Amino acid sequence: MILEWPHPQIDQDWDSGKHQWREITPLAYQQLLKATTLLYRVRDAFMQAEPVDVLAGGDGLYVCCKEQQGFYFARLLPGHDWCKRDSLPVPLPKAGADLWLESFKGEF
């Protein structure tokens, strides 16, 4: 499922210990990119500078987004884990899947 906005899903993922990327719309990615200053930015990823929460050890918990193969993803990540952003694979759609038809799955 592609999220039009990553909150509250990515917050719930973090709270439940499910550390995973969630697919978001390109518009959500652009809005998150422009919403605030950035702590980190590379060609295909960024981390917002405004923490969503402060962890027990004092490190901030931030929104982190990335683009891969034309798809956009978001998750929460501690600031000190920026370098680990690529260690968790993104859930890319299956090759050859009809994404338009998949979006209606269960609607009929």
PDB file of N, CA and C in Angstrom:
ATOM      1  N   MET A   1       0.841  -1.172   0.000  1.00  0.00           N
ATOM      2  CA  MET A   1       0.000   0.000   0.000  1.00  0.00           C
ATOM      3  C   MET A   1       0.892   1.244   0.000  1.00  0.00           C
ATOM      4  N   ILE A   2       0.611   2.151  -0.896  1.00  0.00           N
ATOM      5  CA  ILE A   2       1.358   3.395  -0.969  1.00  0.00           C
ATOM      6  C   ILE A   2       0.669   4.418  -0.071  1.00  0.00           C
ATOM      7  N   LEU A   3       1.442   4.997   0.831  1.00  0.00           N
ATOM      8  CA  LEU A   3       0.885   5.971   1.769  1.00  0.00           C
ATOM      9  C   LEU A   3       0.930   7.376   1.174  1.00  0.00           C
ATOM     10  N   GLU A   4      -0.170   8.109   1.329  1.00  0.00           N
ATOM     11  CA  GLU A   4      -0.184   9.496   0.884  1.00  0.00           C
ATOM     12  C   GLU A   4       0.578  10.375   1.871  1.00  0.00           C
ATOM     13  N   TRP A   5       0.678   9.932   3.121  1.00  0.00           N
ATOM     14  CA  TRP A   5       1.456  10.617   4.142  1.00  0.00           C
ATOM     15  C   TRP A   5       1.984   9.534   5.079  1.00  0.00           C
ATOM     16  N   PRO A   6       3.257   9.576   5.460  1.00  0.00           N
ATOM     17  CA  PRO A   6       3.827   8.465   6.228  1.00  0.00           C
ATOM     18  C   PRO A   6       3.408   8.389   7.697  1.00  0.00           C
ATOM     19  N   HIS A   7       2.964   9.512   8.260  1.00  0.00           N
ATOM     20  CA  HIS A   7       2.507   9.492   9.656  1.00  0.00           C
ATOM     21  C   HIS A   7       1.026   9.165   9.669  1.00  0.00           C
ATOM     22  N   PRO A   8       0.502   8.401  10.589  1.00  0.00           N
ATOM     23  CA  PRO A   8       1.150   7.860  11.773  1.00  0.00           C
ATOM     24  C   PRO A   8       1.784   6.482  11.569  1.00  0.00           C
ATOM     25  N   GLN A   9       1.714   5.922  10.335  1.00  0.00           N
ATOM     26  CA  GLN A   9       2.183   4.542  10.118  1.00  0.00           C
ATOM     27  C   GLN A   9       3.642   4.345  10.518  1.00  0.00           C
ATOM     28  N   ILE A  10       4.542   5.256  10.107  1.00  0.00           N
ATOM     29  CA  ILE A  10       5.958   5.050  10.440  1.00  0.00           C
ATOM     30  C   ILE A  10       6.197   5.222  11.941  1.00  0.00           C
ATOM     31  N   ASP A  11       5.374   6.029  12.599  1.00  0.00           N
ATOM     32  CA  ASP A  11       5.483   6.173  14.055  1.00  0.00           C
ATOM     33  C   ASP A  11       5.061   4.871  14.747  1.00  0.00           C
ATOM     34  N   GLN A  12       3.976   4.292  14.267  1.00  0.00           N
ATOM     35  CA  GLN A  12       3.500   3.024  14.821  1.00  0.00           C
ATOM     36  C   GLN A  12       4.501   1.903  14.555  1.00  0.00           C
ATOM     37  N   ASP A  13       5.123   1.917  13.373  1.00  0.00           N
ATOM     38  CA  ASP A  13       6.153   0.916  13.068  1.00  0.00           C
ATOM     39  C   ASP A  13       7.282   1.009  14.090  1.00  0.00           C
ATOM     40  N   TRP A  14       7.749   2.225  14.356  1.00  0.00           N
ATOM     41  CA  TRP A  14       8.856   2.410  15.294  1.00  0.00           C
ATOM     42  C   TRP A  14       8.447   1.938  16.696  1.00  0.00           C
ATOM     43  N   ASP A  15       7.254   2.356  17.136  1.00  0.00           N
ATOM     44  CA  ASP A  15       6.795   1.997  18.485  1.00  0.00           C
ATOM     45  C   ASP A  15       6.646   0.489  18.670  1.00  0.00           C
ATOM     46  N   SER A  16       6.298  -0.220  17.583  1.00  0.00           N
ATOM     47  CA  SER A  16       6.107  -1.673  17.684  1.00  0.00           C
ATOM     48  C   SER A  16       7.380  -2.457  17.365  1.00  0.00           C
ATOM     49  N   GLY A  17       8.469  -1.748  17.051  1.00  0.00           N
ATOM     50  CA  GLY A  17       9.730  -2.430  16.745  1.00  0.00           C
ATOM     51  C   GLY A  17       9.830  -2.934  15.315  1.00  0.00           C
ATOM     52  N   LYS A  18       8.896  -2.544  14.455  1.00  0.00           N
ATOM     53  CA  LYS A  18       8.927  -2.929  13.038  1.00  0.00           C
ATOM     54  C   LYS A  18       9.727  -1.877  12.285  1.00  0.00           C
ATOM     55  N   HIS A  19      10.984  -2.102  12.141  1.00  0.00           N
ATOM     56  CA  HIS A  19      11.851  -1.152  11.451  1.00  0.00           C
ATOM     57  C   HIS A  19      11.846  -1.497   9.970  1.00  0.00           C
ATOM     58  N   GLN A  20      11.015  -0.765   9.221  1.00  0.00           N
ATOM     59  CA  GLN A  20      10.839  -1.060   7.806  1.00  0.00           C
ATOM     60  C   GLN A  20      10.563   0.223   7.035  1.00  0.00           C
ATOM     61  N   TRP A  21      10.855   0.178   5.757  1.00  0.00           N
ATOM     62  CA  TRP A  21      10.534   1.279   4.866  1.00  0.00           C
ATOM     63  C   TRP A  21       9.084   1.143   4.452  1.00  0.00           C
ATOM     64  N   ARG A  22       8.381   2.288   4.343  1.00  0.00           N
ATOM     65  CA  ARG A  22       7.008   2.323   3.853  1.00  0.00           C
ATOM     66  C   ARG A  22       6.972   3.125   2.564  1.00  0.00           C
ATOM     67  N   GLU A  23       6.323   2.584   1.561  1.00  0.00           N
ATOM     68  CA  GLU A  23       6.244   3.312   0.300  1.00  0.00           C
ATOM     69  C   GLU A  23       5.309   4.507   0.445  1.00  0.00           C
ATOM     70  N   ILE A  24       5.761   5.651  -0.070  1.00  0.00           N
ATOM     71  CA  ILE A  24       4.981   6.884  -0.035  1.00  0.00           C
ATOM     72  C   ILE A  24       4.849   7.435  -1.455  1.00  0.00           C
ATOM     73  N   THR A  25       3.947   8.370  -1.632  1.00  0.00           N
ATOM     74  CA  THR A  25       3.765   8.978  -2.948  1.00  0.00           C
ATOM     75  C   THR A  25       4.923   9.927  -3.249  1.00  0.00           C
ATOM     76  N   PRO A  26       5.174  10.189  -4.530  1.00  0.00           N
ATOM     77  CA  PRO A  26       6.190  11.181  -4.882  1.00  0.00           C
ATOM     78  C   PRO A  26       5.881  12.557  -4.286  1.00  0.00           C
ATOM     79  N   LEU A  27       4.589  12.906  -4.209  1.00  0.00           N
ATOM     80  CA  LEU A  27       4.208  14.192  -3.633  1.00  0.00           C
ATOM     81  C   LEU A  27       4.581  14.247  -2.153  1.00  0.00           C
ATOM     82  N   ALA A  28       4.319  13.189  -1.404  1.00  0.00           N
ATOM     83  CA  ALA A  28       4.684  13.156   0.018  1.00  0.00           C
ATOM     84  C   ALA A  28       6.194  13.301   0.171  1.00  0.00           C
ATOM     85  N   TYR A  29       6.950  12.636  -0.684  1.00  0.00           N
ATOM     86  CA  TYR A  29       8.414  12.729  -0.641  1.00  0.00           C
ATOM     87  C   TYR A  29       8.851  14.181  -0.831  1.00  0.00           C
ATOM     88  N   GLN A  30       8.288  14.846  -1.838  1.00  0.00           N
ATOM     89  CA  GLN A  30       8.661  16.239  -2.110  1.00  0.00           C
ATOM     90  C   GLN A  30       8.248  17.162  -0.968  1.00  0.00           C
ATOM     91  N   GLN A  31       7.072  16.930  -0.395  1.00  0.00           N
ATOM     92  CA  GLN A  31       6.614  17.754   0.733  1.00  0.00           C
ATOM     93  C   GLN A  31       7.521  17.572   1.947  1.00  0.00           C
ATOM     94  N   LEU A  32       7.912  16.343   2.226  1.00  0.00           N
ATOM     95  CA  LEU A  32       8.807  16.082   3.355  1.00  0.00           C
ATOM     96  C   LEU A  32      10.184  16.689   3.106  1.00  0.00           C
ATOM     97  N   LEU A  33      10.632  16.654   1.866  1.00  0.00           N
ATOM     98  CA  LEU A  33      11.926  17.225   1.506  1.00  0.00           C
ATOM     99  C   LEU A  33      11.943  18.738   1.745  1.00  0.00           C
ATOM    100  N   LYS A  34      10.839  19.397   1.459  1.00  0.00           N
ATOM    101  CA  LYS A  34      10.769  20.857   1.560  1.00  0.00           C
ATOM    102  C   LYS A  34      10.187  21.370   2.869  1.00  0.00           C
ATOM    103  N   ALA A  35       9.690  20.483   3.736  1.00  0.00           N
ATOM    104  CA  ALA A  35       8.977  20.898   4.945  1.00  0.00           C
ATOM    105  C   ALA A  35       9.867  21.563   5.990  1.00  0.00           C
ATOM    106  N   THR A  36      11.097  21.176   6.075  1.00  0.00           N
ATOM    107  CA  THR A  36      11.990  21.683   7.111  1.00  0.00           C
ATOM    108  C   THR A  36      13.430  21.578   6.619  1.00  0.00           C
ATOM    109  N   THR A  37      14.345  22.078   7.415  1.00  0.00           N
ATOM    110  CA  THR A  37      15.750  21.920   7.047  1.00  0.00           C
ATOM    111  C   THR A  37      16.127  20.446   7.159  1.00  0.00           C
ATOM    112  N   LEU A  38      17.236  20.118   6.539  1.00  0.00           N
ATOM    113  CA  LEU A  38      17.664  18.723   6.503  1.00  0.00           C
ATOM    114  C   LEU A  38      18.926  18.521   7.331  1.00  0.00           C
ATOM    115  N   LEU A  39      18.978  17.395   8.010  1.00  0.00           N
ATOM    116  CA  LEU A  39      20.154  17.012   8.770  1.00  0.00           C
ATOM    117  C   LEU A  39      21.196  16.405   7.833  1.00  0.00           C
ATOM    118  N   TYR A  40      20.718  15.562   6.909  1.00  0.00           N
ATOM    119  CA  TYR A  40      21.569  14.917   5.907  1.00  0.00           C
ATOM    120  C   TYR A  40      20.837  14.895   4.578  1.00  0.00           C
ATOM    121  N   ARG A  41      21.627  14.919   3.506  1.00  0.00           N
ATOM    122  CA  ARG A  41      21.043  14.762   2.175  1.00  0.00           C
ATOM    123  C   ARG A  41      22.106  14.214   1.228  1.00  0.00           C
ATOM    124  N   VAL A  42      21.725  13.185   0.495  1.00  0.00           N
ATOM    125  CA  VAL A  42      22.524  12.643  -0.599  1.00  0.00           C
ATOM    126  C   VAL A  42      21.606  12.581  -1.818  1.00  0.00           C
ATOM    127  N   ARG A  43      22.131  12.147  -2.927  1.00  0.00           N
ATOM    128  CA  ARG A  43      21.372  12.140  -4.178  1.00  0.00           C
ATOM    129  C   ARG A  43      19.999  11.481  -4.055  1.00  0.00           C
ATOM    130  N   ASP A  44      19.915  10.356  -3.362  1.00  0.00           N
ATOM    131  CA  ASP A  44      18.674   9.584  -3.336  1.00  0.00           C
ATOM    132  C   ASP A  44      18.041   9.450  -1.956  1.00  0.00           C
ATOM    133  N   ALA A  45      18.474  10.254  -0.989  1.00  0.00           N
ATOM    134  CA  ALA A  45      17.916  10.129   0.363  1.00  0.00           C
ATOM    135  C   ALA A  45      18.138  11.411   1.155  1.00  0.00           C
ATOM    136  N   PHE A  46      17.326  11.556   2.200  1.00  0.00           N
ATOM    137  CA  PHE A  46      17.513  12.688   3.107  1.00  0.00           C
ATOM    138  C   PHE A  46      16.945  12.347   4.481  1.00  0.00           C
ATOM    139  N   MET A  47      17.382  13.119   5.474  1.00  0.00           N
ATOM    140  CA  MET A  47      16.864  13.017   6.829  1.00  0.00           C
ATOM    141  C   MET A  47      16.508  14.425   7.289  1.00  0.00           C
ATOM    142  N   GLN A  48      15.282  14.586   7.753  1.00  0.00           N
ATOM    143  CA  GLN A  48      14.864  15.888   8.245  1.00  0.00           C
ATOM    144  C   GLN A  48      15.641  16.261   9.506  1.00  0.00           C
ATOM    145  N   ALA A  49      15.813  17.563   9.733  1.00  0.00           N
ATOM    146  CA  ALA A  49      16.585  18.029  10.888  1.00  0.00           C
ATOM    147  C   ALA A  49      15.750  18.165  12.154  1.00  0.00           C
ATOM    148  N   GLU A  50      14.449  18.189  12.022  1.00  0.00           N
ATOM    149  CA  GLU A  50      13.580  18.341  13.189  1.00  0.00           C
ATOM    150  C   GLU A  50      13.210  16.955  13.723  1.00  0.00           C
ATOM    151  N   PRO A  51      13.602  16.628  14.965  1.00  0.00           N
ATOM    152  CA  PRO A  51      13.298  15.288  15.478  1.00  0.00           C
ATOM    153  C   PRO A  51      11.806  15.079  15.726  1.00  0.00           C
ATOM    154  N   VAL A  52      11.357  13.869  15.483  1.00  0.00           N
ATOM    155  CA  VAL A  52       9.996  13.466  15.791  1.00  0.00           C
ATOM    156  C   VAL A  52       9.904  13.161  17.287  1.00  0.00           C
ATOM    157  N   ASP A  53      11.007  12.670  17.846  1.00  0.00           N
ATOM    158  CA  ASP A  53      11.077  12.288  19.257  1.00  0.00           C
ATOM    159  C   ASP A  53      12.543  12.303  19.670  1.00  0.00           C
ATOM    160  N   VAL A  54      12.777  12.253  20.968  1.00  0.00           N
ATOM    161  CA  VAL A  54      14.136  12.122  21.496  1.00  0.00           C
ATOM    162  C   VAL A  54      14.198  10.781  22.222  1.00  0.00           C
ATOM    163  N   LEU A  55      15.165   9.971  21.860  1.00  0.00           N
ATOM    164  CA  LEU A  55      15.319   8.638  22.438  1.00  0.00           C
ATOM    165  C   LEU A  55      15.957   8.717  23.819  1.00  0.00           C
ATOM    166  N   ALA A  56      15.863   7.624  24.569  1.00  0.00           N
ATOM    167  CA  ALA A  56      16.376   7.580  25.941  1.00  0.00           C
ATOM    168  C   ALA A  56      17.845   7.972  26.028  1.00  0.00           C
ATOM    169  N   GLY A  57      18.644   7.622  25.042  1.00  0.00           N
ATOM    170  CA  GLY A  57      20.070   7.950  25.057  1.00  0.00           C
ATOM    171  C   GLY A  57      20.364   9.389  24.663  1.00  0.00           C
ATOM    172  N   GLY A  58      19.326  10.146  24.294  1.00  0.00           N
ATOM    173  CA  GLY A  58      19.493  11.537  23.947  1.00  0.00           C
ATOM    174  C   GLY A  58      19.545  11.816  22.457  1.00  0.00           C
ATOM    175  N   ASP A  59      19.650  10.776  21.627  1.00  0.00           N
ATOM    176  CA  ASP A  59      19.686  10.977  20.183  1.00  0.00           C
ATOM    177  C   ASP A  59      18.271  11.254  19.675  1.00  0.00           C
ATOM    178  N   GLY A  60      18.181  12.048  18.629  1.00  0.00           N
ATOM    179  CA  GLY A  60      16.891  12.330  18.029  1.00  0.00           C
ATOM    180  C   GLY A  60      16.433  11.206  17.115  1.00  0.00           C
ATOM    181  N   LEU A  61      15.124  11.107  16.952  1.00  0.00           N
ATOM    182  CA  LEU A  61      14.502  10.171  16.026  1.00  0.00           C
ATOM    183  C   LEU A  61      13.918  11.018  14.898  1.00  0.00           C
ATOM    184  N   TYR A  62      14.329  10.755  13.665  1.00  0.00           N
ATOM    185  CA  TYR A  62      14.027  11.626  12.542  1.00  0.00           C
ATOM    186  C   TYR A  62      13.325  10.888  11.408  1.00  0.00           C
ATOM    187  N   VAL A  63      12.592  11.649  10.605  1.00  0.00           N
ATOM    188  CA  VAL A  63      12.014  11.115   9.375  1.00  0.00           C
ATOM    189  C   VAL A  63      13.138  11.005   8.349  1.00  0.00           C
ATOM    190  N   CYS A  64      13.258   9.828   7.774  1.00  0.00           N
ATOM    191  CA  CYS A  64      14.271   9.551   6.755  1.00  0.00           C
ATOM    192  C   CYS A  64      13.529   9.054   5.517  1.00  0.00           C
ATOM    193  N   CYS A  65      13.869   9.594   4.364  1.00  0.00           N
ATOM    194  CA  CYS A  65      13.218   9.205   3.113  1.00  0.00           C
ATOM    195  C   CYS A  65      14.267   8.837   2.082  1.00  0.00           C
ATOM    196  N   LYS A  66      13.866   7.969   1.164  1.00  0.00           N
ATOM    197  CA  LYS A  66      14.773   7.606   0.080  1.00  0.00           C
ATOM    198  C   LYS A  66      13.982   7.266  -1.170  1.00  0.00           C
ATOM    199  N   GLU A  67      14.670   7.383  -2.298  1.00  0.00           N
ATOM    200  CA  GLU A  67      14.107   7.042  -3.598  1.00  0.00           C
ATOM    201  C   GLU A  67      14.945   5.903  -4.155  1.00  0.00           C
ATOM    202  N   GLN A  68      14.258   4.917  -4.718  1.00  0.00           N
ATOM    203  CA  GLN A  68      14.972   3.811  -5.343  1.00  0.00           C
ATOM    204  C   GLN A  68      14.156   3.325  -6.529  1.00  0.00           C
ATOM    205  N   GLN A  69      14.764   3.312  -7.692  1.00  0.00           N
ATOM    206  CA  GLN A  69      14.152   2.832  -8.932  1.00  0.00           C
ATOM    207  C   GLN A  69      12.805   3.504  -9.208  1.00  0.00           C
ATOM    208  N   GLY A  70      12.688   4.785  -8.880  1.00  0.00           N
ATOM    209  CA  GLY A  70      11.471   5.533  -9.158  1.00  0.00           C
ATOM    210  C   GLY A  70      10.374   5.372  -8.117  1.00  0.00           C
ATOM    211  N   PHE A  71      10.665   4.698  -7.026  1.00  0.00           N
ATOM    212  CA  PHE A  71       9.712   4.535  -5.930  1.00  0.00           C
ATOM    213  C   PHE A  71      10.239   5.305  -4.724  1.00  0.00           C
ATOM    214  N   TYR A  72       9.329   5.742  -3.843  1.00  0.00           N
ATOM    215  CA  TYR A  72       9.699   6.597  -2.717  1.00  0.00           C
ATOM    216  C   TYR A  72       9.294   5.942  -1.404  1.00  0.00           C
ATOM    217  N   PHE A  73      10.154   6.101  -0.388  1.00  0.00           N
ATOM    218  CA  PHE A  73       9.964   5.406   0.876  1.00  0.00           C
ATOM    219  C   PHE A  73      10.278   6.315   2.056  1.00  0.00           C
ATOM    220  N   ALA A  74       9.670   5.997   3.206  1.00  0.00           N
ATOM    221  CA  ALA A  74       9.930   6.754   4.427  1.00  0.00           C
ATOM    222  C   ALA A  74       9.977   5.794   5.611  1.00  0.00           C
ATOM    223  N   ARG A  75      10.693   6.221   6.644  1.00  0.00           N
ATOM    224  CA  ARG A  75      10.746   5.498   7.916  1.00  0.00           C
ATOM    225  C   ARG A  75      11.349   6.432   8.944  1.00  0.00           C
ATOM    226  N   LEU A  76      11.288   6.056  10.202  1.00  0.00           N
ATOM    227  CA  LEU A  76      11.964   6.791  11.261  1.00  0.00           C
ATOM    228  C   LEU A  76      13.322   6.159  11.494  1.00  0.00           C
ATOM    229  N   LEU A  77      14.299   6.995  11.818  1.00  0.00           N
ATOM    230  CA  LEU A  77      15.664   6.523  12.010  1.00  0.00           C
ATOM    231  C   LEU A  77      16.368   7.442  13.000  1.00  0.00           C
ATOM    232  N   PRO A  78      17.071   6.869  13.981  1.00  0.00           N
ATOM    233  CA  PRO A  78      17.881   7.721  14.864  1.00  0.00           C
ATOM    234  C   PRO A  78      18.947   8.446  14.052  1.00  0.00           C
ATOM    235  N   GLY A  79      19.265   9.659  14.441  1.00  0.00           N
ATOM    236  CA  GLY A  79      20.241  10.452  13.712  1.00  0.00           C
ATOM    237  C   GLY A  79      21.588   9.777  13.558  1.00  0.00           C
ATOM    238  N   HIS A  80      22.019   9.057  14.604  1.00  0.00           N
ATOM    239  CA  HIS A  80      23.332   8.406  14.520  1.00  0.00           C
ATOM    240  C   HIS A  80      23.328   7.191  13.586  1.00  0.00           C
ATOM    241  N   ASP A  81      22.151   6.781  13.111  1.00  0.00           N
ATOM    242  CA  ASP A  81      22.047   5.633  12.205  1.00  0.00           C
ATOM    243  C   ASP A  81      21.909   6.033  10.737  1.00  0.00           C
ATOM    244  N   TRP A  82      22.130   7.298  10.426  1.00  0.00           N
ATOM    245  CA  TRP A  82      22.031   7.749   9.027  1.00  0.00           C
ATOM    246  C   TRP A  82      22.864   6.865   8.101  1.00  0.00           C
ATOM    247  N   CYS A  83      24.048   6.519   8.517  1.00  0.00           N
ATOM    248  CA  CYS A  83      24.935   5.713   7.662  1.00  0.00           C
ATOM    249  C   CYS A  83      24.402   4.290   7.454  1.00  0.00           C
ATOM    250  N   LYS A  84      23.426   3.863   8.238  1.00  0.00           N
ATOM    251  CA  LYS A  84      22.860   2.517   8.121  1.00  0.00           C
ATOM    252  C   LYS A  84      21.568   2.490   7.297  1.00  0.00           C
ATOM    253  N   ARG A  85      21.196   3.628   6.690  1.00  0.00           N
ATOM    254  CA  ARG A  85      19.905   3.727   6.004  1.00  0.00           C
ATOM    255  C   ARG A  85      19.741   2.699   4.887  1.00  0.00           C
ATOM    256  N   ASP A  86      20.838   2.274   4.268  1.00  0.00           N
ATOM    257  CA  ASP A  86      20.740   1.323   3.162  1.00  0.00           C
ATOM    258  C   ASP A  86      20.845  -0.134   3.601  1.00  0.00           C
ATOM    259  N   SER A  87      21.025  -0.370   4.895  1.00  0.00           N
ATOM    260  CA  SER A  87      21.167  -1.748   5.365  1.00  0.00           C
ATOM    261  C   SER A  87      19.827  -2.486   5.382  1.00  0.00           C
ATOM    262  N   LEU A  88      18.733  -1.757   5.414  1.00  0.00           N
ATOM    263  CA  LEU A  88      17.409  -2.368   5.380  1.00  0.00           C
ATOM    264  C   LEU A  88      16.840  -2.188   3.980  1.00  0.00           C
ATOM    265  N   PRO A  89      16.557  -3.275   3.270  1.00  0.00           N
ATOM    266  CA  PRO A  89      16.073  -3.142   1.888  1.00  0.00           C
ATOM    267  C   PRO A  89      14.675  -2.519   1.833  1.00  0.00           C
ATOM    268  N   VAL A  90      14.404  -1.836   0.739  1.00  0.00           N
ATOM    269  CA  VAL A  90      13.079  -1.262   0.528  1.00  0.00           C
ATOM    270  C   VAL A  90      12.187  -2.301  -0.134  1.00  0.00           C
ATOM    271  N   PRO A  91      10.890  -2.236   0.111  1.00  0.00           N
ATOM    272  CA  PRO A  91       9.962  -3.216  -0.480  1.00  0.00           C
ATOM    273  C   PRO A  91       9.565  -2.832  -1.899  1.00  0.00           C
ATOM    274  N   LEU A  92      10.442  -3.094  -2.862  1.00  0.00           N
ATOM    275  CA  LEU A  92      10.139  -2.767  -4.251  1.00  0.00           C
ATOM    276  C   LEU A  92       9.023  -3.662  -4.780  1.00  0.00           C
ATOM    277  N   PRO A  93       8.132  -3.086  -5.615  1.00  0.00           N
ATOM    278  CA  PRO A  93       7.075  -3.919  -6.222  1.00  0.00           C
ATOM    279  C   PRO A  93       7.679  -5.042  -7.053  1.00  0.00           C
ATOM    280  N   LYS A  94       6.925  -6.113  -7.204  1.00  0.00           N
ATOM    281  CA  LYS A  94       7.383  -7.264  -7.989  1.00  0.00           C
ATOM    282  C   LYS A  94       7.549  -6.869  -9.445  1.00  0.00           C
ATOM    283  N   ALA A  95       8.571  -7.387 -10.069  1.00  0.00           N
ATOM    284  CA  ALA A  95       8.817  -7.121 -11.489  1.00  0.00           C
ATOM    285  C   ALA A  95       7.634  -7.625 -12.304  1.00  0.00           C
ATOM    286  N   GLY A  96       7.171  -6.791 -13.211  1.00  0.00           N
ATOM    287  CA  GLY A  96       6.069  -7.183 -14.080  1.00  0.00           C
ATOM    288  C   GLY A  96       4.697  -7.020 -13.470  1.00  0.00           C
ATOM    289  N   ALA A  97       4.612  -6.567 -12.228  1.00  0.00           N
ATOM    290  CA  ALA A  97       3.305  -6.397 -11.589  1.00  0.00           C
ATOM    291  C   ALA A  97       2.573  -5.231 -12.238  1.00  0.00           C
ATOM    292  N   ASP A  98       1.288  -5.386 -12.405  1.00  0.00           N
ATOM    293  CA  ASP A  98       0.471  -4.292 -12.922  1.00  0.00           C
ATOM    294  C   ASP A  98       0.060  -3.453 -11.722  1.00  0.00           C
ATOM    295  N   LEU A  99       0.782  -2.358 -11.496  1.00  0.00           N
ATOM    296  CA  LEU A  99       0.575  -1.541 -10.306  1.00  0.00           C
ATOM    297  C   LEU A  99      -0.801  -0.905 -10.286  1.00  0.00           C
ATOM    298  N   TRP A 100      -1.360  -0.559 -11.448  1.00  0.00           N
ATOM    299  CA  TRP A 100      -2.679   0.029 -11.482  1.00  0.00           C
ATOM    300  C   TRP A 100      -3.726  -0.969 -10.995  1.00  0.00           C
ATOM    301  N   LEU A 101      -3.659  -2.197 -11.495  1.00  0.00           N
ATOM    302  CA  LEU A 101      -4.596  -3.227 -11.057  1.00  0.00           C
ATOM    303  C   LEU A 101      -4.379  -3.580  -9.594  1.00  0.00           C
ATOM    304  N   GLU A 102      -3.122  -3.635  -9.161  1.00  0.00           N
ATOM    305  CA  GLU A 102      -2.810  -3.956  -7.770  1.00  0.00           C
ATOM    306  C   GLU A 102      -3.425  -2.941  -6.815  1.00  0.00           C
ATOM    307  N   SER A 103      -3.536  -1.681  -7.240  1.00  0.00           N
ATOM    308  CA  SER A 103      -4.076  -0.651  -6.365  1.00  0.00           C
ATOM    309  C   SER A 103      -5.556  -0.874  -6.065  1.00  0.00           C
ATOM    310  N   PHE A 104      -6.247  -1.659  -6.894  1.00  0.00           N
ATOM    311  CA  PHE A 104      -7.670  -1.938  -6.686  1.00  0.00           C
ATOM    312  C   PHE A 104      -7.899  -3.288  -5.993  1.00  0.00           C
ATOM    313  N   LYS A 105      -6.855  -3.950  -5.591  1.00  0.00           N
ATOM    314  CA  LYS A 105      -6.971  -5.275  -4.978  1.00  0.00           C
ATOM    315  C   LYS A 105      -7.911  -5.211  -3.778  1.00  0.00           C
ATOM    316  N   GLY A 106      -8.884  -6.068  -3.755  1.00  0.00           N
ATOM    317  CA  GLY A 106      -9.815  -6.133  -2.650  1.00  0.00           C
ATOM    318  C   GLY A 106     -10.941  -5.114  -2.717  1.00  0.00           C
ATOM    319  N   GLU A 107     -10.976  -4.285  -3.750  1.00  0.00           N
ATOM    320  CA  GLU A 107     -12.017  -3.263  -3.878  1.00  0.00           C
ATOM    321  C   GLU A 107     -13.297  -3.818  -4.502  1.00  0.00           C
ATOM    322  N   PHE A 108     -13.201  -4.960  -5.177  1.00  0.00           N
ATOM    323  CA  PHE A 108     -14.371  -5.496  -5.888  1.00  0.00           C
ATOM    324  C   PHE A 108     -14.875  -6.741  -5.239  1.00  0.00           C
TER     325      PHE A 108
END
